[in-house]
């Protein structure tokens, strides 16, 4: 009789240990899945923000390129009109020099503005990714307490 009580208690203890192990494993897996979901959500939000930023920046860059083209073409047309009305060879040289100088200035200004916009977009993307990585790291570093 004593052996059957002893055996029964051992079976109960084994079942309790097995249940505890299953519960702990389930809680650990759930916590890990929640952390993975939080990390994935963070990176999806970051990638969406980056895509929107680049979309906005590419629109600004497209506008910048259009402005550059308009200014360069306008300068070319002005040069052509002045060139047609030139009377002396030295006036042609002066007009050509002015035209080239204005074209260089237009391209320099537009290149500088374009560079600033690209730098701004890159900085925004970097900041967004850094912030997402920091938030993800914090969510993983702060695990919920296991029962």
N, C-alpha and C. Protein backbone atom coordinates (compact mmCIF):
# COMPACT_ATOMS: atom_id res chain seq x y z
N UNK A 1 0.82 -1.18 0.00
CA UNK A 1 0.00 0.00 0.00
C UNK A 1 0.87 1.25 0.00
N UNK A 2 1.86 1.19 0.83
CA UNK A 2 2.75 2.33 0.95
C UNK A 2 3.45 2.60 -0.38
N UNK A 3 3.78 1.57 -1.11
CA UNK A 3 4.44 1.73 -2.40
C UNK A 3 3.50 2.36 -3.43
N UNK A 4 2.23 2.02 -3.39
CA UNK A 4 1.28 2.59 -4.34
C UNK A 4 1.05 4.07 -4.05
N UNK A 5 1.03 4.47 -2.76
CA UNK A 5 0.90 5.87 -2.39
C UNK A 5 2.15 6.61 -2.86
N UNK A 6 3.29 6.01 -2.61
CA UNK A 6 4.55 6.60 -3.03
C UNK A 6 4.59 6.76 -4.55
N UNK A 7 4.17 5.73 -5.27
CA UNK A 7 4.15 5.76 -6.73
C UNK A 7 3.17 6.82 -7.23
N UNK A 8 1.99 6.89 -6.56
CA UNK A 8 0.97 7.89 -6.94
C UNK A 8 1.53 9.29 -6.75
N UNK A 9 2.21 9.55 -5.63
CA UNK A 9 2.78 10.87 -5.36
C UNK A 9 3.85 11.21 -6.41
N UNK A 10 4.65 10.21 -6.76
CA UNK A 10 5.67 10.44 -7.80
C UNK A 10 5.02 10.78 -9.14
N UNK A 11 3.94 10.11 -9.47
CA UNK A 11 3.23 10.38 -10.71
C UNK A 11 2.67 11.80 -10.66
N UNK A 12 2.10 12.20 -9.51
CA UNK A 12 1.54 13.55 -9.36
C UNK A 12 2.64 14.60 -9.50
N UNK A 13 3.78 14.34 -8.86
CA UNK A 13 4.90 15.28 -8.97
C UNK A 13 5.40 15.38 -10.41
N UNK A 14 5.48 14.25 -11.08
CA UNK A 14 5.92 14.23 -12.48
C UNK A 14 4.94 15.02 -13.35
N UNK A 15 3.65 14.86 -13.09
CA UNK A 15 2.63 15.60 -13.86
C UNK A 15 2.73 17.10 -13.58
N UNK A 16 2.93 17.46 -12.30
CA UNK A 16 3.09 18.88 -11.95
C UNK A 16 4.32 19.47 -12.65
N UNK A 17 5.40 18.72 -12.65
CA UNK A 17 6.63 19.18 -13.32
C UNK A 17 6.40 19.32 -14.82
N UNK A 18 5.72 18.36 -15.39
CA UNK A 18 5.44 18.42 -16.83
C UNK A 18 4.53 19.61 -17.14
N UNK A 19 3.50 19.81 -16.32
CA UNK A 19 2.60 20.95 -16.53
C UNK A 19 3.34 22.28 -16.37
N UNK A 20 4.20 22.34 -15.34
CA UNK A 20 4.99 23.56 -15.14
C UNK A 20 5.88 23.82 -16.35
N UNK A 21 6.54 22.77 -16.84
CA UNK A 21 7.41 22.90 -18.01
C UNK A 21 6.64 23.34 -19.25
N UNK A 22 5.45 22.77 -19.45
CA UNK A 22 4.63 23.17 -20.59
C UNK A 22 4.17 24.61 -20.46
N UNK A 23 3.75 24.98 -19.25
CA UNK A 23 3.30 26.35 -19.01
C UNK A 23 4.45 27.32 -19.25
N UNK A 24 5.60 27.02 -18.69
CA UNK A 24 6.77 27.89 -18.86
C UNK A 24 7.14 28.01 -20.34
N UNK A 25 7.17 26.88 -21.05
CA UNK A 25 7.51 26.87 -22.47
C UNK A 25 6.50 27.69 -23.27
N UNK A 26 5.22 27.52 -22.97
CA UNK A 26 4.16 28.26 -23.66
C UNK A 26 4.32 29.76 -23.42
N UNK A 27 4.57 30.15 -22.18
CA UNK A 27 4.74 31.57 -21.84
C UNK A 27 5.98 32.15 -22.52
N UNK A 28 7.05 31.37 -22.53
CA UNK A 28 8.28 31.82 -23.18
C UNK A 28 8.06 32.00 -24.68
N UNK A 29 7.40 31.03 -25.30
CA UNK A 29 7.12 31.12 -26.74
C UNK A 29 6.21 32.31 -27.04
N UNK A 30 5.20 32.52 -26.19
CA UNK A 30 4.29 33.65 -26.40
C UNK A 30 5.04 34.98 -26.28
N UNK A 31 5.90 35.08 -25.28
CA UNK A 31 6.69 36.29 -25.09
C UNK A 31 7.60 36.53 -26.29
N UNK A 32 8.24 35.50 -26.76
CA UNK A 32 9.13 35.61 -27.91
C UNK A 32 8.36 36.04 -29.16
N UNK A 33 7.19 35.45 -29.37
CA UNK A 33 6.36 35.84 -30.51
C UNK A 33 5.91 37.30 -30.39
N UNK A 34 5.53 37.73 -29.20
CA UNK A 34 5.12 39.12 -29.00
C UNK A 34 6.27 40.09 -29.29
N UNK A 35 7.47 39.73 -28.84
CA UNK A 35 8.63 40.58 -29.10
C UNK A 35 8.93 40.62 -30.60
N UNK A 36 8.83 39.48 -31.26
CA UNK A 36 9.07 39.44 -32.70
C UNK A 36 8.05 40.28 -33.45
N UNK A 37 6.80 40.19 -33.01
CA UNK A 37 5.74 40.98 -33.64
C UNK A 37 6.00 42.47 -33.43
N UNK A 38 6.41 42.86 -32.23
CA UNK A 38 6.71 44.27 -31.95
C UNK A 38 7.86 44.75 -32.83
N UNK A 39 8.88 43.92 -32.97
CA UNK A 39 10.02 44.30 -33.82
C UNK A 39 9.59 44.43 -35.27
N UNK A 40 8.82 43.49 -35.75
CA UNK A 40 8.35 43.53 -37.13
C UNK A 40 7.46 44.75 -37.36
N UNK A 41 6.54 45.02 -36.44
CA UNK A 41 5.68 46.20 -36.56
C UNK A 41 6.51 47.48 -36.61
N UNK A 42 7.53 47.56 -35.77
CA UNK A 42 8.39 48.74 -35.75
C UNK A 42 9.10 48.94 -37.08
N UNK A 43 9.64 47.87 -37.62
CA UNK A 43 10.34 47.99 -38.89
C UNK A 43 9.39 48.25 -40.05
N UNK A 44 8.17 47.71 -39.99
CA UNK A 44 7.20 48.01 -41.05
C UNK A 44 6.80 49.47 -41.02
N UNK A 45 6.60 50.00 -39.82
CA UNK A 45 6.26 51.43 -39.70
C UNK A 45 7.42 52.29 -40.19
N UNK A 46 8.63 51.89 -39.84
CA UNK A 46 9.81 52.64 -40.27
C UNK A 46 9.95 52.60 -41.79
N UNK A 47 9.76 51.44 -42.38
CA UNK A 47 9.91 51.34 -43.84
C UNK A 47 8.82 52.13 -44.54
N UNK A 48 7.61 52.15 -43.97
CA UNK A 48 6.53 52.95 -44.54
C UNK A 48 6.88 54.44 -44.48
N UNK A 49 7.41 54.86 -43.33
CA UNK A 49 7.79 56.27 -43.18
C UNK A 49 8.91 56.64 -44.14
N UNK A 50 9.88 55.76 -44.29
CA UNK A 50 10.99 56.01 -45.21
C UNK A 50 10.48 56.09 -46.65
N UNK A 51 9.57 55.18 -47.01
CA UNK A 51 9.02 55.19 -48.37
C UNK A 51 8.29 56.51 -48.64
N UNK A 52 7.51 56.95 -47.66
CA UNK A 52 6.79 58.22 -47.82
C UNK A 52 7.76 59.39 -47.90
N UNK A 53 8.81 59.34 -47.11
CA UNK A 53 9.81 60.41 -47.14
C UNK A 53 10.50 60.45 -48.50
N UNK A 54 10.90 59.28 -49.00
CA UNK A 54 11.56 59.24 -50.30
C UNK A 54 10.59 59.65 -51.42
N UNK A 55 9.34 59.27 -51.27
CA UNK A 55 8.34 59.67 -52.27
C UNK A 55 8.23 61.20 -52.30
N UNK A 56 8.16 61.78 -51.14
CA UNK A 56 8.08 63.25 -51.04
C UNK A 56 9.35 63.89 -51.58
N UNK A 57 10.50 63.33 -51.20
CA UNK A 57 11.77 63.88 -51.66
C UNK A 57 11.95 63.71 -53.16
N UNK A 58 11.50 62.57 -53.70
CA UNK A 58 11.65 62.38 -55.14
C UNK A 58 10.77 63.36 -55.89
N UNK A 59 9.62 63.69 -55.33
CA UNK A 59 8.76 64.71 -55.93
C UNK A 59 9.47 66.06 -55.92
N UNK A 60 10.10 66.40 -54.81
CA UNK A 60 10.84 67.66 -54.71
C UNK A 60 12.02 67.67 -55.68
N UNK A 61 12.69 66.54 -55.82
CA UNK A 61 13.82 66.44 -56.75
C UNK A 61 13.34 66.59 -58.19
N UNK A 62 12.20 65.98 -58.49
CA UNK A 62 11.62 66.10 -59.83
C UNK A 62 11.29 67.56 -60.13
N UNK A 63 10.70 68.25 -59.15
CA UNK A 63 10.40 69.67 -59.32
C UNK A 63 11.68 70.47 -59.52
N UNK A 64 12.71 70.13 -58.77
CA UNK A 64 14.00 70.82 -58.88
C UNK A 64 14.59 70.63 -60.28
N UNK A 65 14.48 69.43 -60.79
CA UNK A 65 15.00 69.15 -62.13
C UNK A 65 14.21 69.94 -63.18
N UNK A 66 12.91 70.06 -62.98
CA UNK A 66 12.08 70.83 -63.91
C UNK A 66 12.47 72.30 -63.88
N UNK A 67 12.68 72.84 -62.69
CA UNK A 67 13.11 74.24 -62.56
C UNK A 67 14.45 74.45 -63.26
N UNK A 68 15.37 73.53 -63.04
CA UNK A 68 16.68 73.62 -63.68
C UNK A 68 16.54 73.63 -65.20
N UNK A 69 15.74 72.74 -65.72
CA UNK A 69 15.53 72.66 -67.17
C UNK A 69 14.92 73.96 -67.70
N UNK A 70 13.91 74.45 -66.98
CA UNK A 70 13.25 75.69 -67.41
C UNK A 70 14.24 76.86 -67.43
N UNK A 71 15.02 76.99 -66.38
CA UNK A 71 15.98 78.10 -66.31
C UNK A 71 17.04 77.99 -67.40
N UNK A 72 17.56 76.77 -67.59
CA UNK A 72 18.61 76.57 -68.60
C UNK A 72 18.06 76.84 -70.00
N UNK A 73 16.86 76.36 -70.28
CA UNK A 73 16.27 76.60 -71.60
C UNK A 73 15.96 78.07 -71.82
N UNK A 74 15.44 78.71 -70.79
CA UNK A 74 15.14 80.15 -70.88
C UNK A 74 16.41 80.95 -71.16
N UNK A 75 17.47 80.59 -70.44
CA UNK A 75 18.76 81.26 -70.65
C UNK A 75 19.27 81.02 -72.07
N UNK A 76 19.06 79.80 -72.57
CA UNK A 76 19.50 79.47 -73.94
C UNK A 76 18.72 80.27 -74.98
N UNK A 77 17.41 80.37 -74.77
CA UNK A 77 16.59 81.14 -75.72
C UNK A 77 17.00 82.62 -75.69
N UNK A 78 17.20 83.16 -74.48
CA UNK A 78 17.64 84.56 -74.37
C UNK A 78 18.97 84.77 -75.10
N UNK A 79 19.88 83.83 -74.88
CA UNK A 79 21.19 83.92 -75.56
C UNK A 79 21.00 83.89 -77.07
N UNK A 80 20.16 82.98 -77.56
CA UNK A 80 19.93 82.88 -79.00
C UNK A 80 19.38 84.16 -79.58
N UNK A 81 18.44 84.78 -78.87
CA UNK A 81 17.87 86.04 -79.37
C UNK A 81 18.93 87.15 -79.40
N UNK A 82 19.71 87.25 -78.35
CA UNK A 82 20.76 88.28 -78.31
C UNK A 82 21.82 88.00 -79.39
N UNK A 83 22.14 86.72 -79.56
CA UNK A 83 23.16 86.32 -80.54
C UNK A 83 22.74 86.73 -81.96
N UNK A 84 21.44 86.55 -82.26
CA UNK A 84 20.95 86.90 -83.59
C UNK A 84 21.02 88.40 -83.86
N UNK A 85 20.95 89.20 -82.81
CA UNK A 85 20.98 90.64 -82.97
C UNK A 85 22.37 91.26 -82.79
N UNK A 86 23.35 90.44 -82.56
CA UNK A 86 24.71 90.97 -82.37
C UNK A 86 25.25 91.51 -83.68
N UNK A 87 26.01 92.59 -83.57
CA UNK A 87 26.52 93.25 -84.78
C UNK A 87 28.04 93.09 -84.95
N UNK A 88 28.73 92.91 -83.85
CA UNK A 88 30.19 92.85 -83.88
C UNK A 88 30.69 91.49 -83.36
N UNK A 89 31.82 91.00 -83.85
CA UNK A 89 32.38 89.74 -83.35
C UNK A 89 32.71 89.76 -81.86
N UNK A 90 33.20 90.90 -81.35
CA UNK A 90 33.52 90.96 -79.92
C UNK A 90 32.24 90.90 -79.07
N UNK A 91 31.13 91.35 -79.62
CA UNK A 91 29.84 91.24 -78.91
C UNK A 91 29.42 89.76 -78.83
N UNK A 92 29.69 89.00 -79.88
CA UNK A 92 29.38 87.56 -79.88
C UNK A 92 30.18 86.84 -78.78
N UNK A 93 31.45 87.20 -78.67
CA UNK A 93 32.29 86.59 -77.64
C UNK A 93 31.76 86.94 -76.24
N UNK A 94 31.42 88.22 -76.05
CA UNK A 94 30.88 88.66 -74.75
C UNK A 94 29.57 87.94 -74.42
N UNK A 95 28.69 87.83 -75.42
CA UNK A 95 27.41 87.13 -75.21
C UNK A 95 27.64 85.65 -74.85
N UNK A 96 28.58 85.02 -75.58
CA UNK A 96 28.90 83.61 -75.31
C UNK A 96 29.44 83.46 -73.89
N UNK A 97 30.31 84.36 -73.47
CA UNK A 97 30.88 84.31 -72.12
C UNK A 97 29.80 84.50 -71.07
N UNK A 98 28.91 85.46 -71.27
CA UNK A 98 27.81 85.70 -70.33
C UNK A 98 26.90 84.48 -70.25
N UNK A 99 26.59 83.92 -71.42
CA UNK A 99 25.72 82.73 -71.47
C UNK A 99 26.32 81.58 -70.67
N UNK A 100 27.58 81.28 -70.91
CA UNK A 100 28.25 80.18 -70.21
C UNK A 100 28.31 80.45 -68.71
N UNK A 101 28.56 81.68 -68.33
CA UNK A 101 28.62 82.05 -66.92
C UNK A 101 27.25 81.86 -66.25
N UNK A 102 26.20 82.30 -66.94
CA UNK A 102 24.84 82.15 -66.38
C UNK A 102 24.45 80.68 -66.29
N UNK A 103 24.78 79.90 -67.30
CA UNK A 103 24.47 78.46 -67.27
C UNK A 103 25.18 77.79 -66.10
N UNK A 104 26.46 78.13 -65.92
CA UNK A 104 27.22 77.54 -64.81
C UNK A 104 26.59 77.93 -63.47
N UNK A 105 26.16 79.18 -63.34
CA UNK A 105 25.54 79.64 -62.10
C UNK A 105 24.22 78.91 -61.85
N UNK A 106 23.42 78.76 -62.91
CA UNK A 106 22.13 78.05 -62.77
C UNK A 106 22.38 76.62 -62.31
N UNK A 107 23.31 75.93 -62.95
CA UNK A 107 23.59 74.53 -62.58
C UNK A 107 24.17 74.44 -61.17
N UNK A 108 25.01 75.37 -60.80
CA UNK A 108 25.60 75.34 -59.45
C UNK A 108 24.52 75.52 -58.38
N UNK A 109 23.63 76.49 -58.58
CA UNK A 109 22.56 76.73 -57.61
C UNK A 109 21.65 75.51 -57.49
N UNK A 110 21.25 74.98 -58.64
CA UNK A 110 20.33 73.84 -58.63
C UNK A 110 21.00 72.59 -58.05
N UNK A 111 22.27 72.40 -58.34
CA UNK A 111 23.00 71.26 -57.79
C UNK A 111 23.10 71.36 -56.28
N UNK A 112 23.37 72.57 -55.78
CA UNK A 112 23.45 72.77 -54.33
C UNK A 112 22.11 72.47 -53.67
N UNK A 113 21.02 73.00 -54.23
CA UNK A 113 19.70 72.76 -53.67
C UNK A 113 19.33 71.28 -53.73
N UNK A 114 19.65 70.65 -54.84
CA UNK A 114 19.36 69.23 -55.00
C UNK A 114 20.16 68.41 -53.98
N UNK A 115 21.42 68.76 -53.79
CA UNK A 115 22.26 68.08 -52.80
C UNK A 115 21.69 68.21 -51.40
N UNK A 116 21.18 69.39 -51.07
CA UNK A 116 20.57 69.60 -49.75
C UNK A 116 19.33 68.73 -49.57
N UNK A 117 18.53 68.62 -50.61
CA UNK A 117 17.31 67.80 -50.53
C UNK A 117 17.65 66.32 -50.38
N UNK A 118 18.65 65.86 -51.11
CA UNK A 118 19.07 64.47 -51.00
C UNK A 118 19.64 64.20 -49.61
N UNK A 119 20.44 65.13 -49.12
CA UNK A 119 21.01 64.99 -47.77
C UNK A 119 19.90 64.95 -46.72
N UNK A 120 18.90 65.79 -46.88
CA UNK A 120 17.78 65.81 -45.94
C UNK A 120 17.02 64.48 -45.96
N UNK A 121 16.78 63.95 -47.16
CA UNK A 121 16.07 62.67 -47.27
C UNK A 121 16.88 61.54 -46.65
N UNK A 122 18.16 61.56 -46.87
CA UNK A 122 19.04 60.52 -46.31
C UNK A 122 19.06 60.61 -44.79
N UNK A 123 19.14 61.81 -44.25
CA UNK A 123 19.16 62.01 -42.80
C UNK A 123 17.84 61.55 -42.19
N UNK A 124 16.73 61.86 -42.85
CA UNK A 124 15.42 61.44 -42.35
C UNK A 124 15.32 59.92 -42.34
N UNK A 125 15.77 59.28 -43.39
CA UNK A 125 15.73 57.82 -43.46
C UNK A 125 16.61 57.21 -42.37
N UNK A 126 17.80 57.75 -42.19
CA UNK A 126 18.71 57.25 -41.16
C UNK A 126 18.08 57.41 -39.77
N UNK A 127 17.51 58.58 -39.51
CA UNK A 127 16.89 58.83 -38.21
C UNK A 127 15.72 57.89 -37.97
N UNK A 128 14.93 57.65 -39.00
CA UNK A 128 13.78 56.76 -38.88
C UNK A 128 14.24 55.34 -38.56
N UNK A 129 15.25 54.86 -39.27
CA UNK A 129 15.75 53.51 -39.01
C UNK A 129 16.39 53.40 -37.63
N UNK A 130 17.14 54.41 -37.24
CA UNK A 130 17.77 54.41 -35.91
C UNK A 130 16.71 54.39 -34.82
N UNK A 131 15.68 55.19 -34.98
CA UNK A 131 14.59 55.24 -34.00
C UNK A 131 13.87 53.89 -33.93
N UNK A 132 13.60 53.30 -35.08
CA UNK A 132 12.92 52.00 -35.10
C UNK A 132 13.78 50.92 -34.44
N UNK A 133 15.06 50.95 -34.70
CA UNK A 133 15.97 49.96 -34.09
C UNK A 133 16.03 50.15 -32.58
N UNK A 134 16.07 51.41 -32.13
CA UNK A 134 16.12 51.69 -30.69
C UNK A 134 14.83 51.21 -30.01
N UNK A 135 13.69 51.51 -30.61
CA UNK A 135 12.41 51.09 -30.03
C UNK A 135 12.29 49.58 -30.00
N UNK A 136 12.76 48.94 -31.05
CA UNK A 136 12.72 47.48 -31.10
C UNK A 136 13.62 46.89 -30.03
N UNK A 137 14.80 47.44 -29.90
CA UNK A 137 15.74 46.96 -28.88
C UNK A 137 15.15 47.13 -27.49
N UNK A 138 14.51 48.26 -27.25
CA UNK A 138 13.90 48.51 -25.93
C UNK A 138 12.76 47.53 -25.67
N UNK A 139 11.96 47.25 -26.68
CA UNK A 139 10.83 46.33 -26.47
C UNK A 139 11.32 44.91 -26.20
N UNK A 140 12.44 44.55 -26.81
CA UNK A 140 12.99 43.22 -26.58
C UNK A 140 13.74 43.16 -25.25
N UNK A 141 14.39 44.25 -24.85
CA UNK A 141 15.16 44.28 -23.60
C UNK A 141 14.26 44.31 -22.38
N UNK A 142 13.00 44.70 -22.55
CA UNK A 142 12.05 44.76 -21.44
C UNK A 142 11.06 43.63 -21.53
N UNK A 143 11.49 42.42 -21.33
CA UNK A 143 10.53 41.31 -21.45
C UNK A 143 9.48 41.37 -20.35
N UNK A 144 8.30 40.92 -20.69
CA UNK A 144 7.25 40.86 -19.69
C UNK A 144 7.60 39.76 -18.71
N UNK A 145 7.21 39.93 -17.46
CA UNK A 145 7.55 38.96 -16.42
C UNK A 145 6.84 37.65 -16.65
N UNK A 146 7.56 36.59 -16.50
CA UNK A 146 6.99 35.26 -16.62
C UNK A 146 6.29 34.91 -15.32
N UNK A 147 5.22 34.17 -15.43
CA UNK A 147 4.43 33.79 -14.24
C UNK A 147 5.13 32.71 -13.45
